[in-house]
Each structure stands twice: as structure tokens, then as C-alpha cells.
Amino acid sequence: MGFAASQARYLMLTARKSDLELQGQFINQARLSLANITGDLFALSANLEPESPQMLALQARIASLQSIDKALELQLRRVDTQRDAVQTEIDAVRKVIGKNIASTFKTFV
């Protein structure tokens, strides 16, 4: 791969890594919002009778929010795995660029 192609690949990978990091931040923000909502629901449930219909409805809602959080956690892991793969490829392209630069300067020296 030539220097220009390597540089273009490097820039594309860097942009992809930034996109994945932003996506991870959005997922973390959504998880934080869910945690806040769940905390509020737990606070509401403290004042209710354990077997009341309202308490059962709150428990069902909390369980639903927890399952959404688990799905978001899995999505975050997937994004992190992709980011790590892109970082590995960035490192490989950096080495290729370094070799291209070294061979080019050897030609002129």
C-alpha cells in the first residue's frame, strides 16, 4: 500500500474510532438516565405497601428498565469491541506509514 493510500486509510479509521467513541458516550448517557429513573422508582416504592397493586406495577416497571439497561450494556460492549479492533488496525497502518516514510528517506539519502 502506498503512502497516500495508507494515509487515507489512517484518516478513515480515525474517523470511525471517533464515531464509535461518540456512540459509546450516547449509550452511557442513556444508561445513566435509566439509572436515575430506576432510582426515582425505588424511592417511590419505599412508601408503598409490599403487596399493593401500585408496588407490583412499580416492580414490573423497574424490571423492564433493568432489562433495557442490560441490552444497552451489551450494545456498549459491542461498540467497545469494535473500537478496540479499529485501534488495532490504526496501529498496523501507523507501522506501514512509518515503513513507507523510512524507505522513502532511504531513497533520497
N, C-alpha and C. Protein backbone atom coordinates (compact mmCIF):
# COMPACT_ATOMS: atom_id res chain seq x y z
N MET A 1 0.85 -1.16 0.00
CA MET A 1 0.00 0.00 0.00
C MET A 1 0.90 1.23 0.00
N GLY A 2 0.59 2.19 -0.85
CA GLY A 2 1.37 3.40 -0.95
C GLY A 2 1.11 4.33 0.22
N PHE A 3 1.93 5.36 0.28
CA PHE A 3 1.82 6.30 1.38
C PHE A 3 0.47 7.01 1.39
N ALA A 4 0.02 7.47 0.22
CA ALA A 4 -1.25 8.20 0.15
C ALA A 4 -2.42 7.29 0.55
N ALA A 5 -2.40 6.06 0.08
CA ALA A 5 -3.47 5.12 0.43
C ALA A 5 -3.44 4.81 1.93
N SER A 6 -2.24 4.65 2.47
CA SER A 6 -2.12 4.38 3.91
C SER A 6 -2.63 5.56 4.72
N GLN A 7 -2.30 6.76 4.27
CA GLN A 7 -2.75 7.96 4.99
C GLN A 7 -4.26 8.08 4.93
N ALA A 8 -4.85 7.80 3.77
CA ALA A 8 -6.31 7.86 3.63
C ALA A 8 -6.96 6.81 4.54
N ARG A 9 -6.39 5.62 4.57
CA ARG A 9 -6.92 4.55 5.43
C ARG A 9 -6.82 4.96 6.90
N TYR A 10 -5.70 5.56 7.26
CA TYR A 10 -5.50 6.01 8.64
C TYR A 10 -6.55 7.05 9.03
N LEU A 11 -6.81 8.00 8.15
CA LEU A 11 -7.80 9.04 8.45
C LEU A 11 -9.21 8.44 8.56
N MET A 12 -9.53 7.48 7.69
CA MET A 12 -10.83 6.83 7.75
C MET A 12 -11.00 6.05 9.05
N LEU A 13 -9.96 5.34 9.45
CA LEU A 13 -10.02 4.58 10.70
C LEU A 13 -10.14 5.49 11.91
N THR A 14 -9.43 6.61 11.88
CA THR A 14 -9.51 7.56 12.99
C THR A 14 -10.92 8.13 13.11
N ALA A 15 -11.54 8.43 11.97
CA ALA A 15 -12.91 8.93 11.98
C ALA A 15 -13.87 7.86 12.51
N ARG A 16 -13.66 6.62 12.10
CA ARG A 16 -14.52 5.52 12.59
C ARG A 16 -14.37 5.34 14.09
N LYS A 17 -13.14 5.44 14.58
CA LYS A 17 -12.91 5.31 16.02
C LYS A 17 -13.62 6.44 16.78
N SER A 18 -13.57 7.65 16.25
CA SER A 18 -14.26 8.77 16.90
C SER A 18 -15.77 8.54 16.91
N ASP A 19 -16.31 8.02 15.81
CA ASP A 19 -17.74 7.72 15.76
C ASP A 19 -18.13 6.68 16.80
N LEU A 20 -17.30 5.65 16.94
CA LEU A 20 -17.59 4.61 17.93
C LEU A 20 -17.51 5.15 19.35
N GLU A 21 -16.56 6.03 19.60
CA GLU A 21 -16.45 6.63 20.94
C GLU A 21 -17.67 7.49 21.25
N LEU A 22 -18.15 8.24 20.25
CA LEU A 22 -19.35 9.06 20.45
C LEU A 22 -20.56 8.17 20.70
N GLN A 23 -20.68 7.09 19.94
CA GLN A 23 -21.78 6.16 20.14
C GLN A 23 -21.73 5.57 21.56
N GLY A 24 -20.54 5.25 22.04
CA GLY A 24 -20.38 4.75 23.41
C GLY A 24 -20.81 5.78 24.44
N GLN A 25 -20.50 7.04 24.18
CA GLN A 25 -20.92 8.09 25.11
C GLN A 25 -22.44 8.22 25.15
N PHE A 26 -23.08 8.11 23.99
CA PHE A 26 -24.55 8.18 23.95
C PHE A 26 -25.17 7.01 24.72
N ILE A 27 -24.58 5.83 24.57
CA ILE A 27 -25.10 4.66 25.28
C ILE A 27 -24.93 4.85 26.79
N ASN A 28 -23.77 5.34 27.20
CA ASN A 28 -23.55 5.59 28.63
C ASN A 28 -24.51 6.64 29.18
N GLN A 29 -24.80 7.65 28.37
CA GLN A 29 -25.74 8.68 28.80
C GLN A 29 -27.14 8.09 28.97
N ALA A 30 -27.53 7.22 28.05
CA ALA A 30 -28.84 6.57 28.16
C ALA A 30 -28.90 5.67 29.40
N ARG A 31 -27.81 4.97 29.67
CA ARG A 31 -27.76 4.11 30.86
C ARG A 31 -27.85 4.94 32.13
N LEU A 32 -27.21 6.10 32.14
CA LEU A 32 -27.28 6.98 33.31
C LEU A 32 -28.70 7.48 33.53
N SER A 33 -29.37 7.84 32.45
CA SER A 33 -30.77 8.27 32.56
C SER A 33 -31.65 7.15 33.11
N LEU A 34 -31.44 5.95 32.62
CA LEU A 34 -32.19 4.81 33.15
C LEU A 34 -31.92 4.58 34.63
N ALA A 35 -30.67 4.74 35.02
CA ALA A 35 -30.32 4.57 36.43
C ALA A 35 -31.02 5.61 37.30
N ASN A 36 -31.09 6.84 36.81
CA ASN A 36 -31.78 7.89 37.56
C ASN A 36 -33.27 7.60 37.68
N ILE A 37 -33.88 7.16 36.60
CA ILE A 37 -35.31 6.83 36.63
C ILE A 37 -35.56 5.66 37.58
N THR A 38 -34.71 4.65 37.50
CA THR A 38 -34.86 3.49 38.39
C THR A 38 -34.71 3.90 39.85
N GLY A 39 -33.77 4.78 40.13
CA GLY A 39 -33.60 5.27 41.50
C GLY A 39 -34.82 6.01 41.99
N ASP A 40 -35.43 6.81 41.12
CA ASP A 40 -36.65 7.52 41.49
C ASP A 40 -37.79 6.53 41.77
N LEU A 41 -37.87 5.49 40.95
CA LEU A 41 -38.92 4.49 41.18
C LEU A 41 -38.71 3.73 42.48
N PHE A 42 -37.46 3.44 42.81
CA PHE A 42 -37.18 2.80 44.10
C PHE A 42 -37.57 3.72 45.25
N ALA A 43 -37.32 5.00 45.10
CA ALA A 43 -37.70 5.95 46.15
C ALA A 43 -39.22 5.98 46.32
N LEU A 44 -39.95 5.92 45.21
CA LEU A 44 -41.41 5.89 45.30
C LEU A 44 -41.90 4.61 45.95
N SER A 45 -41.24 3.51 45.67
CA SER A 45 -41.69 2.23 46.20
C SER A 45 -41.46 2.10 47.71
N ALA A 46 -40.61 2.94 48.27
CA ALA A 46 -40.33 2.87 49.70
C ALA A 46 -41.57 3.23 50.52
N ASN A 47 -42.47 4.01 49.95
CA ASN A 47 -43.66 4.46 50.68
C ASN A 47 -44.89 3.59 50.44
N LEU A 48 -44.74 2.54 49.64
CA LEU A 48 -45.89 1.71 49.30
C LEU A 48 -45.89 0.40 50.09
N GLU A 49 -47.06 -0.19 50.19
CA GLU A 49 -47.20 -1.50 50.83
C GLU A 49 -46.57 -2.55 49.91
N PRO A 50 -45.90 -3.54 50.48
CA PRO A 50 -45.18 -4.53 49.66
C PRO A 50 -46.04 -5.30 48.66
N GLU A 51 -47.29 -5.58 48.98
CA GLU A 51 -48.12 -6.39 48.09
C GLU A 51 -49.20 -5.57 47.38
N SER A 52 -49.13 -4.26 47.44
CA SER A 52 -50.15 -3.43 46.80
C SER A 52 -50.01 -3.48 45.27
N PRO A 53 -51.09 -3.21 44.56
CA PRO A 53 -51.03 -3.22 43.08
C PRO A 53 -50.04 -2.16 42.54
N GLN A 54 -49.95 -1.03 43.23
CA GLN A 54 -49.02 0.01 42.79
C GLN A 54 -47.57 -0.47 42.92
N MET A 55 -47.30 -1.19 44.01
CA MET A 55 -45.96 -1.71 44.24
C MET A 55 -45.60 -2.76 43.19
N LEU A 56 -46.54 -3.62 42.86
CA LEU A 56 -46.30 -4.64 41.84
C LEU A 56 -46.07 -4.00 40.47
N ALA A 57 -46.83 -2.94 40.19
CA ALA A 57 -46.64 -2.22 38.92
C ALA A 57 -45.26 -1.56 38.87
N LEU A 58 -44.83 -0.98 40.00
CA LEU A 58 -43.50 -0.35 40.05
C LEU A 58 -42.40 -1.40 39.89
N GLN A 59 -42.58 -2.55 40.51
CA GLN A 59 -41.58 -3.61 40.39
C GLN A 59 -41.47 -4.10 38.95
N ALA A 60 -42.62 -4.20 38.27
CA ALA A 60 -42.61 -4.61 36.86
C ALA A 60 -41.90 -3.56 36.01
N ARG A 61 -42.16 -2.30 36.31
CA ARG A 61 -41.52 -1.20 35.57
C ARG A 61 -40.01 -1.20 35.81
N ILE A 62 -39.60 -1.41 37.04
CA ILE A 62 -38.17 -1.46 37.37
C ILE A 62 -37.51 -2.63 36.66
N ALA A 63 -38.16 -3.78 36.64
CA ALA A 63 -37.60 -4.94 35.94
C ALA A 63 -37.46 -4.66 34.45
N SER A 64 -38.43 -3.97 33.89
CA SER A 64 -38.37 -3.61 32.47
C SER A 64 -37.20 -2.67 32.20
N LEU A 65 -37.02 -1.69 33.06
CA LEU A 65 -35.90 -0.75 32.89
C LEU A 65 -34.56 -1.46 33.05
N GLN A 66 -34.49 -2.43 33.95
CA GLN A 66 -33.25 -3.16 34.15
C GLN A 66 -32.92 -4.02 32.92
N SER A 67 -33.94 -4.58 32.29
CA SER A 67 -33.67 -5.37 31.08
C SER A 67 -33.21 -4.46 29.94
N ILE A 68 -33.75 -3.25 29.86
CA ILE A 68 -33.29 -2.29 28.85
C ILE A 68 -31.84 -1.92 29.13
N ASP A 69 -31.49 -1.75 30.40
CA ASP A 69 -30.11 -1.42 30.76
C ASP A 69 -29.16 -2.54 30.37
N LYS A 70 -29.57 -3.78 30.56
CA LYS A 70 -28.73 -4.92 30.17
C LYS A 70 -28.51 -4.94 28.66
N ALA A 71 -29.56 -4.63 27.90
CA ALA A 71 -29.42 -4.57 26.44
C ALA A 71 -28.45 -3.46 26.04
N LEU A 72 -28.55 -2.33 26.71
CA LEU A 72 -27.63 -1.22 26.42
C LEU A 72 -26.19 -1.59 26.80
N GLU A 73 -26.03 -2.33 27.88
CA GLU A 73 -24.70 -2.77 28.29
C GLU A 73 -24.09 -3.69 27.23
N LEU A 74 -24.89 -4.59 26.69
CA LEU A 74 -24.41 -5.47 25.63
C LEU A 74 -24.02 -4.66 24.38
N GLN A 75 -24.83 -3.68 24.06
CA GLN A 75 -24.54 -2.82 22.92
C GLN A 75 -23.24 -2.05 23.16
N LEU A 76 -23.03 -1.58 24.39
CA LEU A 76 -21.80 -0.87 24.71
C LEU A 76 -20.58 -1.78 24.59
N ARG A 77 -20.72 -3.02 25.02
CA ARG A 77 -19.61 -3.98 24.87
C ARG A 77 -19.27 -4.19 23.40
N ARG A 78 -20.31 -4.30 22.57
CA ARG A 78 -20.10 -4.49 21.14
C ARG A 78 -19.37 -3.28 20.55
N VAL A 79 -19.78 -2.09 20.94
CA VAL A 79 -19.13 -0.87 20.45
C VAL A 79 -17.68 -0.83 20.92
N ASP A 80 -17.43 -1.19 22.17
CA ASP A 80 -16.06 -1.21 22.69
C ASP A 80 -15.19 -2.21 21.95
N THR A 81 -15.76 -3.36 21.61
CA THR A 81 -15.01 -4.38 20.86
C THR A 81 -14.66 -3.85 19.48
N GLN A 82 -15.60 -3.19 18.84
CA GLN A 82 -15.33 -2.61 17.52
C GLN A 82 -14.26 -1.52 17.62
N ARG A 83 -14.35 -0.70 18.67
CA ARG A 83 -13.36 0.36 18.85
C ARG A 83 -11.97 -0.23 19.05
N ASP A 84 -11.87 -1.30 19.82
CA ASP A 84 -10.58 -1.95 20.04
C ASP A 84 -10.02 -2.52 18.73
N ALA A 85 -10.90 -3.10 17.90
CA ALA A 85 -10.46 -3.64 16.61
C ALA A 85 -9.97 -2.53 15.70
N VAL A 86 -10.68 -1.42 15.70
CA VAL A 86 -10.25 -0.27 14.88
C VAL A 86 -8.92 0.27 15.39
N GLN A 87 -8.73 0.32 16.70
CA GLN A 87 -7.46 0.80 17.26
C GLN A 87 -6.31 -0.11 16.85
N THR A 88 -6.54 -1.41 16.84
CA THR A 88 -5.51 -2.36 16.40
C THR A 88 -5.15 -2.12 14.95
N GLU A 89 -6.16 -1.88 14.13
CA GLU A 89 -5.90 -1.61 12.72
C GLU A 89 -5.19 -0.27 12.53
N ILE A 90 -5.54 0.72 13.34
CA ILE A 90 -4.84 2.01 13.28
C ILE A 90 -3.36 1.82 13.58
N ASP A 91 -3.05 1.02 14.59
CA ASP A 91 -1.65 0.76 14.94
C ASP A 91 -0.91 0.10 13.78
N ALA A 92 -1.59 -0.84 13.11
CA ALA A 92 -0.96 -1.51 11.97
C ALA A 92 -0.71 -0.54 10.83
N VAL A 93 -1.65 0.33 10.56
CA VAL A 93 -1.49 1.32 9.48
C VAL A 93 -0.38 2.31 9.84
N ARG A 94 -0.27 2.68 11.10
CA ARG A 94 0.82 3.56 11.52
C ARG A 94 2.18 2.94 11.21
N LYS A 95 2.29 1.64 11.46
CA LYS A 95 3.55 0.95 11.17
C LYS A 95 3.84 0.96 9.68
N VAL A 96 2.82 0.74 8.86
CA VAL A 96 3.00 0.77 7.40
C VAL A 96 3.44 2.16 6.96
N ILE A 97 2.80 3.19 7.51
CA ILE A 97 3.18 4.57 7.16
C ILE A 97 4.62 4.84 7.58
N GLY A 98 4.98 4.38 8.77
CA GLY A 98 6.35 4.56 9.24
C GLY A 98 7.35 3.87 8.32
N LYS A 99 7.04 2.67 7.86
CA LYS A 99 7.93 1.96 6.94
C LYS A 99 8.00 2.68 5.59
N ASN A 100 6.86 3.21 5.13
CA ASN A 100 6.87 3.96 3.87
C ASN A 100 7.75 5.19 3.97
N ILE A 101 7.65 5.89 5.08
CA ILE A 101 8.47 7.10 5.27
C ILE A 101 9.95 6.72 5.36
N ALA A 102 10.26 5.66 6.08
CA ALA A 102 11.65 5.24 6.23
C ALA A 102 12.23 4.83 4.88
N SER A 103 11.47 4.08 4.10
CA SER A 103 12.00 3.66 2.80
C SER A 103 12.14 4.83 1.84
N THR A 104 11.25 5.79 1.93
CA THR A 104 11.33 6.98 1.07
C THR A 104 12.56 7.80 1.40
N PHE A 105 12.85 7.98 2.68
CA PHE A 105 14.01 8.78 3.05
C PHE A 105 15.31 8.05 2.77
N LYS A 106 15.30 6.73 2.81
CA LYS A 106 16.49 5.96 2.46
C LYS A 106 16.83 6.14 0.98
N THR A 107 15.78 6.30 0.17
CA THR A 107 15.98 6.51 -1.26
C THR A 107 16.69 7.83 -1.52
N PHE A 108 16.36 8.86 -0.78
CA PHE A 108 16.94 10.18 -1.00
C PHE A 108 18.28 10.40 -0.31
N VAL A 109 18.63 9.52 0.62
CA VAL A 109 19.88 9.73 1.35
C VAL A 109 21.03 9.05 0.70
